[in-house]
Amino acid sequence: MQLMNGSLSADYKVKGGKLLRVRLHVSEAVCITALSITGDFFMHPEEALETLEQALLGAPLTPEGLRPRIEAFFAGDVQVVGADVDDFVQLLLATKS
């Protein structure tokens, strides 16, 4: 984790070798105000990643705040190869470590 001016970042290695990376900004209440998720996973349609990032805005950086939003995203019409709900939750929580 790195903390600089409300900015956090983390890398998370998924079982099987895929890498997820997040850079985010949080408010004083530790809610996500901006983020960018990258890595060597595959998502179809590719534009869906922006939808996930938008869904996470305003979320508290806690398992309870993140998991329902990520699960709802995965329940939609999107295919993700190389990562699952748990991986994205762990990635975001890794910013607090």
N, C-alpha and C. Protein backbone atom coordinates (compact mmCIF):
# COMPACT_ATOMS: atom_id res chain seq x y z
N MET A 1 0.83 -1.18 0.00
CA MET A 1 0.00 0.00 0.00
C MET A 1 0.87 1.24 0.00
N GLN A 2 0.40 2.26 -0.69
CA GLN A 2 1.04 3.55 -0.64
C GLN A 2 -0.04 4.57 -0.34
N LEU A 3 0.22 5.51 0.56
CA LEU A 3 -0.73 6.56 0.86
C LEU A 3 -0.06 7.89 0.63
N MET A 4 -0.58 8.63 -0.33
CA MET A 4 -0.04 9.95 -0.64
C MET A 4 -1.21 10.86 -0.97
N ASN A 5 -1.45 11.85 -0.11
CA ASN A 5 -2.52 12.83 -0.36
C ASN A 5 -3.87 12.17 -0.63
N GLY A 6 -4.27 11.17 0.16
CA GLY A 6 -5.54 10.50 -0.04
C GLY A 6 -5.54 9.48 -1.15
N SER A 7 -4.36 9.20 -1.71
CA SER A 7 -4.24 8.23 -2.80
C SER A 7 -3.72 6.91 -2.24
N LEU A 8 -4.31 5.83 -2.70
CA LEU A 8 -3.89 4.49 -2.30
C LEU A 8 -3.66 3.66 -3.55
N SER A 9 -2.80 2.66 -3.42
CA SER A 9 -2.59 1.74 -4.53
C SER A 9 -2.25 0.36 -3.99
N ALA A 10 -2.52 -0.64 -4.82
CA ALA A 10 -2.18 -2.01 -4.44
C ALA A 10 -2.09 -2.86 -5.69
N ASP A 11 -1.28 -3.89 -5.60
CA ASP A 11 -1.21 -4.94 -6.61
C ASP A 11 -1.66 -6.22 -5.92
N TYR A 12 -2.38 -7.06 -6.64
CA TYR A 12 -2.88 -8.31 -6.08
C TYR A 12 -2.69 -9.41 -7.12
N LYS A 13 -2.01 -10.47 -6.73
CA LYS A 13 -1.77 -11.60 -7.63
C LYS A 13 -2.86 -12.64 -7.40
N VAL A 14 -3.64 -12.90 -8.44
CA VAL A 14 -4.74 -13.85 -8.40
C VAL A 14 -4.18 -15.26 -8.48
N LYS A 15 -4.84 -16.20 -7.80
CA LYS A 15 -4.44 -17.61 -7.91
C LYS A 15 -4.48 -17.98 -9.39
N GLY A 16 -3.40 -18.51 -9.90
CA GLY A 16 -3.30 -18.81 -11.32
C GLY A 16 -2.40 -17.82 -12.04
N GLY A 17 -1.98 -16.77 -11.33
CA GLY A 17 -0.96 -15.90 -11.89
C GLY A 17 -1.37 -14.55 -12.44
N LYS A 18 -2.66 -14.27 -12.57
CA LYS A 18 -3.08 -12.98 -13.10
C LYS A 18 -2.79 -11.88 -12.09
N LEU A 19 -2.50 -10.69 -12.60
CA LEU A 19 -2.21 -9.54 -11.75
C LEU A 19 -3.32 -8.52 -11.86
N LEU A 20 -3.80 -8.04 -10.72
CA LEU A 20 -4.76 -6.95 -10.67
C LEU A 20 -4.06 -5.78 -9.99
N ARG A 21 -4.34 -4.59 -10.48
CA ARG A 21 -3.72 -3.39 -9.91
C ARG A 21 -4.81 -2.32 -9.76
N VAL A 22 -4.80 -1.62 -8.65
CA VAL A 22 -5.75 -0.53 -8.46
C VAL A 22 -5.02 0.69 -7.93
N ARG A 23 -5.46 1.83 -8.41
CA ARG A 23 -5.04 3.13 -7.90
C ARG A 23 -6.33 3.85 -7.56
N LEU A 24 -6.45 4.34 -6.33
CA LEU A 24 -7.69 4.99 -5.96
C LEU A 24 -7.44 6.17 -5.04
N HIS A 25 -8.46 6.98 -4.92
CA HIS A 25 -8.47 8.12 -4.01
C HIS A 25 -9.62 7.90 -3.05
N VAL A 26 -9.40 8.26 -1.80
CA VAL A 26 -10.45 8.11 -0.80
C VAL A 26 -10.69 9.44 -0.10
N SER A 27 -11.91 9.58 0.41
CA SER A 27 -12.26 10.76 1.18
C SER A 27 -11.80 10.55 2.62
N GLU A 28 -11.97 11.56 3.44
CA GLU A 28 -11.62 11.42 4.86
C GLU A 28 -12.41 10.32 5.52
N ALA A 29 -13.61 10.04 5.02
CA ALA A 29 -14.46 8.97 5.57
C ALA A 29 -14.07 7.61 5.00
N VAL A 30 -12.98 7.54 4.27
CA VAL A 30 -12.45 6.33 3.64
C VAL A 30 -13.47 5.71 2.68
N CYS A 31 -14.09 6.56 1.89
CA CYS A 31 -14.96 6.12 0.80
C CYS A 31 -14.24 6.43 -0.51
N ILE A 32 -14.43 5.57 -1.49
CA ILE A 32 -13.75 5.72 -2.78
C ILE A 32 -14.32 6.93 -3.53
N THR A 33 -13.44 7.83 -3.93
CA THR A 33 -13.86 9.00 -4.70
C THR A 33 -13.41 8.93 -6.15
N ALA A 34 -12.41 8.12 -6.44
CA ALA A 34 -11.94 7.91 -7.81
C ALA A 34 -11.10 6.64 -7.81
N LEU A 35 -11.10 5.90 -8.93
CA LEU A 35 -10.25 4.72 -9.01
C LEU A 35 -10.01 4.30 -10.44
N SER A 36 -8.95 3.53 -10.60
CA SER A 36 -8.59 2.95 -11.88
C SER A 36 -8.10 1.53 -11.62
N ILE A 37 -8.74 0.56 -12.27
CA ILE A 37 -8.36 -0.84 -12.12
C ILE A 37 -7.72 -1.29 -13.43
N THR A 38 -6.56 -1.92 -13.32
CA THR A 38 -5.86 -2.45 -14.48
C THR A 38 -5.35 -3.84 -14.14
N GLY A 39 -4.75 -4.51 -15.10
CA GLY A 39 -4.16 -5.82 -14.85
C GLY A 39 -4.16 -6.67 -16.10
N ASP A 40 -3.80 -7.93 -15.93
CA ASP A 40 -3.73 -8.83 -17.08
C ASP A 40 -4.88 -9.83 -17.09
N PHE A 41 -6.03 -9.40 -16.63
CA PHE A 41 -7.25 -10.19 -16.71
C PHE A 41 -8.01 -9.74 -17.97
N PHE A 42 -9.03 -10.51 -18.35
CA PHE A 42 -9.82 -10.18 -19.53
C PHE A 42 -11.26 -9.95 -19.12
N MET A 43 -11.86 -8.90 -19.66
CA MET A 43 -13.25 -8.59 -19.38
C MET A 43 -13.95 -8.30 -20.70
N HIS A 44 -15.14 -8.90 -20.84
CA HIS A 44 -15.94 -8.66 -22.05
C HIS A 44 -17.35 -8.28 -21.64
N PRO A 45 -17.88 -7.20 -22.13
CA PRO A 45 -17.21 -6.24 -22.99
C PRO A 45 -16.16 -5.43 -22.22
N GLU A 46 -15.14 -4.97 -22.92
CA GLU A 46 -14.04 -4.23 -22.28
C GLU A 46 -14.53 -2.98 -21.57
N GLU A 47 -15.57 -2.34 -22.12
CA GLU A 47 -16.09 -1.12 -21.52
C GLU A 47 -16.72 -1.36 -20.15
N ALA A 48 -16.99 -2.63 -19.83
CA ALA A 48 -17.62 -2.95 -18.55
C ALA A 48 -16.74 -2.57 -17.37
N LEU A 49 -15.44 -2.50 -17.58
CA LEU A 49 -14.55 -2.11 -16.49
C LEU A 49 -14.90 -0.71 -15.99
N GLU A 50 -15.25 0.18 -16.90
CA GLU A 50 -15.67 1.53 -16.50
C GLU A 50 -16.94 1.46 -15.66
N THR A 51 -17.83 0.53 -15.99
CA THR A 51 -19.07 0.35 -15.23
C THR A 51 -18.75 -0.10 -13.81
N LEU A 52 -17.81 -1.03 -13.67
CA LEU A 52 -17.41 -1.48 -12.34
C LEU A 52 -16.80 -0.33 -11.55
N GLU A 53 -15.92 0.41 -12.18
CA GLU A 53 -15.29 1.55 -11.48
C GLU A 53 -16.34 2.56 -11.03
N GLN A 54 -17.31 2.84 -11.86
CA GLN A 54 -18.39 3.77 -11.49
C GLN A 54 -19.21 3.22 -10.34
N ALA A 55 -19.47 1.91 -10.35
CA ALA A 55 -20.27 1.28 -9.29
C ALA A 55 -19.57 1.36 -7.94
N LEU A 56 -18.25 1.44 -7.95
CA LEU A 56 -17.49 1.47 -6.70
C LEU A 56 -17.32 2.88 -6.13
N LEU A 57 -17.64 3.90 -6.91
CA LEU A 57 -17.51 5.26 -6.39
C LEU A 57 -18.47 5.46 -5.22
N GLY A 58 -17.96 6.03 -4.16
CA GLY A 58 -18.76 6.26 -2.96
C GLY A 58 -18.79 5.09 -2.00
N ALA A 59 -18.25 3.95 -2.41
CA ALA A 59 -18.26 2.77 -1.54
C ALA A 59 -17.25 2.92 -0.41
N PRO A 60 -17.64 2.52 0.79
CA PRO A 60 -16.65 2.48 1.87
C PRO A 60 -15.64 1.38 1.59
N LEU A 61 -14.42 1.59 2.01
CA LEU A 61 -13.34 0.63 1.76
C LEU A 61 -13.37 -0.46 2.83
N THR A 62 -14.48 -1.22 2.83
CA THR A 62 -14.70 -2.34 3.76
C THR A 62 -15.27 -3.50 2.96
N PRO A 63 -15.13 -4.73 3.47
CA PRO A 63 -15.73 -5.86 2.75
C PRO A 63 -17.23 -5.67 2.55
N GLU A 64 -17.92 -5.15 3.57
CA GLU A 64 -19.36 -4.96 3.50
C GLU A 64 -19.75 -3.88 2.49
N GLY A 65 -18.89 -2.90 2.30
CA GLY A 65 -19.16 -1.83 1.35
C GLY A 65 -18.83 -2.20 -0.08
N LEU A 66 -17.87 -3.09 -0.26
CA LEU A 66 -17.39 -3.44 -1.59
C LEU A 66 -18.10 -4.65 -2.20
N ARG A 67 -18.23 -5.72 -1.41
CA ARG A 67 -18.72 -7.00 -1.95
C ARG A 67 -20.08 -6.89 -2.66
N PRO A 68 -21.10 -6.25 -2.07
CA PRO A 68 -22.39 -6.20 -2.77
C PRO A 68 -22.31 -5.50 -4.12
N ARG A 69 -21.52 -4.46 -4.22
CA ARG A 69 -21.39 -3.73 -5.49
C ARG A 69 -20.67 -4.59 -6.53
N ILE A 70 -19.63 -5.30 -6.11
CA ILE A 70 -18.88 -6.14 -7.04
C ILE A 70 -19.72 -7.35 -7.45
N GLU A 71 -20.44 -7.94 -6.49
CA GLU A 71 -21.32 -9.07 -6.83
C GLU A 71 -22.40 -8.65 -7.82
N ALA A 72 -22.98 -7.48 -7.62
CA ALA A 72 -24.01 -6.99 -8.54
C ALA A 72 -23.43 -6.81 -9.94
N PHE A 73 -22.21 -6.31 -10.02
CA PHE A 73 -21.55 -6.15 -11.30
C PHE A 73 -21.36 -7.50 -11.98
N PHE A 74 -20.84 -8.49 -11.26
CA PHE A 74 -20.59 -9.81 -11.82
C PHE A 74 -21.89 -10.52 -12.21
N ALA A 75 -23.00 -10.16 -11.57
CA ALA A 75 -24.29 -10.77 -11.89
C ALA A 75 -24.86 -10.23 -13.19
N GLY A 76 -24.30 -9.15 -13.69
CA GLY A 76 -24.77 -8.54 -14.95
C GLY A 76 -24.24 -9.27 -16.16
N ASP A 77 -24.40 -8.65 -17.30
CA ASP A 77 -24.01 -9.25 -18.58
C ASP A 77 -22.54 -8.94 -18.88
N VAL A 78 -21.67 -9.55 -18.09
CA VAL A 78 -20.23 -9.34 -18.24
C VAL A 78 -19.52 -10.67 -18.02
N GLN A 79 -18.44 -10.86 -18.74
CA GLN A 79 -17.60 -12.05 -18.56
C GLN A 79 -16.22 -11.59 -18.14
N VAL A 80 -15.72 -12.20 -17.06
CA VAL A 80 -14.39 -11.88 -16.57
C VAL A 80 -13.59 -13.18 -16.53
N VAL A 81 -12.44 -13.17 -17.20
CA VAL A 81 -11.57 -14.33 -17.23
C VAL A 81 -10.29 -13.96 -16.48
N GLY A 82 -9.96 -14.76 -15.48
CA GLY A 82 -8.72 -14.53 -14.75
C GLY A 82 -8.90 -13.91 -13.40
N ALA A 83 -10.14 -13.57 -13.01
CA ALA A 83 -10.39 -12.98 -11.69
C ALA A 83 -11.88 -13.14 -11.37
N ASP A 84 -12.19 -13.15 -10.07
CA ASP A 84 -13.59 -13.27 -9.67
C ASP A 84 -13.92 -12.21 -8.61
N VAL A 85 -15.12 -12.30 -8.06
CA VAL A 85 -15.57 -11.32 -7.06
C VAL A 85 -14.58 -11.21 -5.92
N ASP A 86 -14.18 -12.35 -5.36
CA ASP A 86 -13.26 -12.34 -4.22
C ASP A 86 -11.94 -11.65 -4.56
N ASP A 87 -11.46 -11.86 -5.76
CA ASP A 87 -10.20 -11.25 -6.17
C ASP A 87 -10.31 -9.72 -6.20
N PHE A 88 -11.41 -9.21 -6.72
CA PHE A 88 -11.57 -7.75 -6.76
C PHE A 88 -11.75 -7.18 -5.36
N VAL A 89 -12.47 -7.88 -4.50
CA VAL A 89 -12.62 -7.42 -3.11
C VAL A 89 -11.25 -7.38 -2.44
N GLN A 90 -10.48 -8.45 -2.58
CA GLN A 90 -9.16 -8.51 -1.96
C GLN A 90 -8.24 -7.44 -2.51
N LEU A 91 -8.31 -7.19 -3.80
CA LEU A 91 -7.49 -6.14 -4.40
C LEU A 91 -7.77 -4.79 -3.73
N LEU A 92 -9.03 -4.44 -3.63
CA LEU A 92 -9.38 -3.14 -3.05
C LEU A 92 -9.03 -3.07 -1.57
N LEU A 93 -9.23 -4.15 -0.85
CA LEU A 93 -8.88 -4.15 0.58
C LEU A 93 -7.37 -4.10 0.79
N ALA A 94 -6.62 -4.59 -0.18
CA ALA A 94 -5.15 -4.57 -0.07
C ALA A 94 -4.61 -3.15 -0.03
N THR A 95 -5.38 -2.17 -0.47
CA THR A 95 -4.92 -0.79 -0.42
C THR A 95 -4.81 -0.29 1.01
N LYS A 96 -5.49 -0.97 1.94
CA LYS A 96 -5.48 -0.56 3.35
C LYS A 96 -4.35 -1.22 4.13
N SER A 97 -3.66 -2.18 3.55
CA SER A 97 -2.63 -2.94 4.27
C SER A 97 -1.34 -2.15 4.36
